[in-house]
Amino acid sequence: MPDLNLPTLETGRLFLRTLNPAPFKALTTRFDDAALGAALNCPTPEMYAGVKERFLTFGLDNPRLSMHNWLLYRKDTGKLIGDFSYHIIFRRHLRAEIGYSLYDTEDRGQGFMQELLPVTLKFGFEALGLERIEALTAVDNWASMSLLRKFGFRREGYARRHYRFEGKNTDSLSFSLLREDFKPEPALSPVEKLVRGFERQAIPEAGWTHEAHLKVALWYLFHEGENEALCRMRNGIIAFNLYLGQQNTPESGYHETLTVFWITVLKQFLEAHPQLNFEEALSEFLRSPHSASAYPKTFFSESLLQSVRARSRWVAPDLQPL
């Protein structure tokens, strides 16, 4: 397998390996698809085909327009998980459009994009000499919009039929970031720092308290909705237990019924207090008796909560309805 020796940037959890159209085209003349796909650590021929299409069909490298792209690799596994690019650089006007993608759902929601944006945006303003960076998102991509705003991007407009997706053109929202507005590291509230630590398994075991569980769950509910909150809490708790060296078994570790219970209680609280912003809702809930760690025992008998059935899947309360 060839050693491509690609220029590399890195963050805490990622290697960003530079691969631009002209070098990639040269590599395809030296190596066949199988060898090049293996060297890029593409796990499937389909993933390699997507990379190849990006550079050979849609890549730009001419006096007016150019492209700068990184392939994203996890440090812990070496897995190729996505890409980040300045895929349209207008050299004369010192502006560029960015795009990013994570290929597998299991790598999304882990804070990877928030981790790499300080590095890639700094590269754009300093190494590429840009004055303006542009980004466009789907009109319902709330996570991407929130991410862009954290780094100082401002929404500027609505682009009709701008993006080709699944055989049709869809609308986009346009955002921009100027050099003077760039925030190398977005200011995070204490709860956002806790959420980031939860996603990265970077919270000390002593800090992962009942109250910390509630804060993270409420943050997800408030910002991303019930289904996303439940998925993130379920996956995050399982991963965090493993990080701490604890097993998720029929007798210990992750508890599905308690997770669903707390998401439901928090959702009902938010629905009953629609006028509150997040900080107000969090403060109000933590002062209420509903936040007590023993509150589930109002609804569930101890024997039911300790059962394998309740730990492995949702079981309705046996003392009174929720």
Foldseek 3Di string as FASTA:
>chain_A
DDQPPFDWDDFPWKIWGKDAQVVVVVVCVVDPLVVVCVNLQPVDSVSSVVVCCCRPVQADDDPAWHKIKTFIATPVPRHGFWMKMQRTAGLVQQETEIDIDGDDPVPPPLCPCLRCVLVVVCCSCPVSVHFKYKYKDAPPPLVVVVSCVQQQKDWDAKAAQPDQDPHGGHIITMIMDGPVRGDSHGDDDPLRVLLNCLSNLNDPPVRCDLLNLLSNLLVCCQRPNLVRSLVCSQVSQCVNCVVVVHHLDLQDGAFAQVSNVSSVVSVVQCVVCVPDDSVRSSVVVVPDPCSDPCNCVCFAPPVVSRGSVRRVHHDAGDNDGD
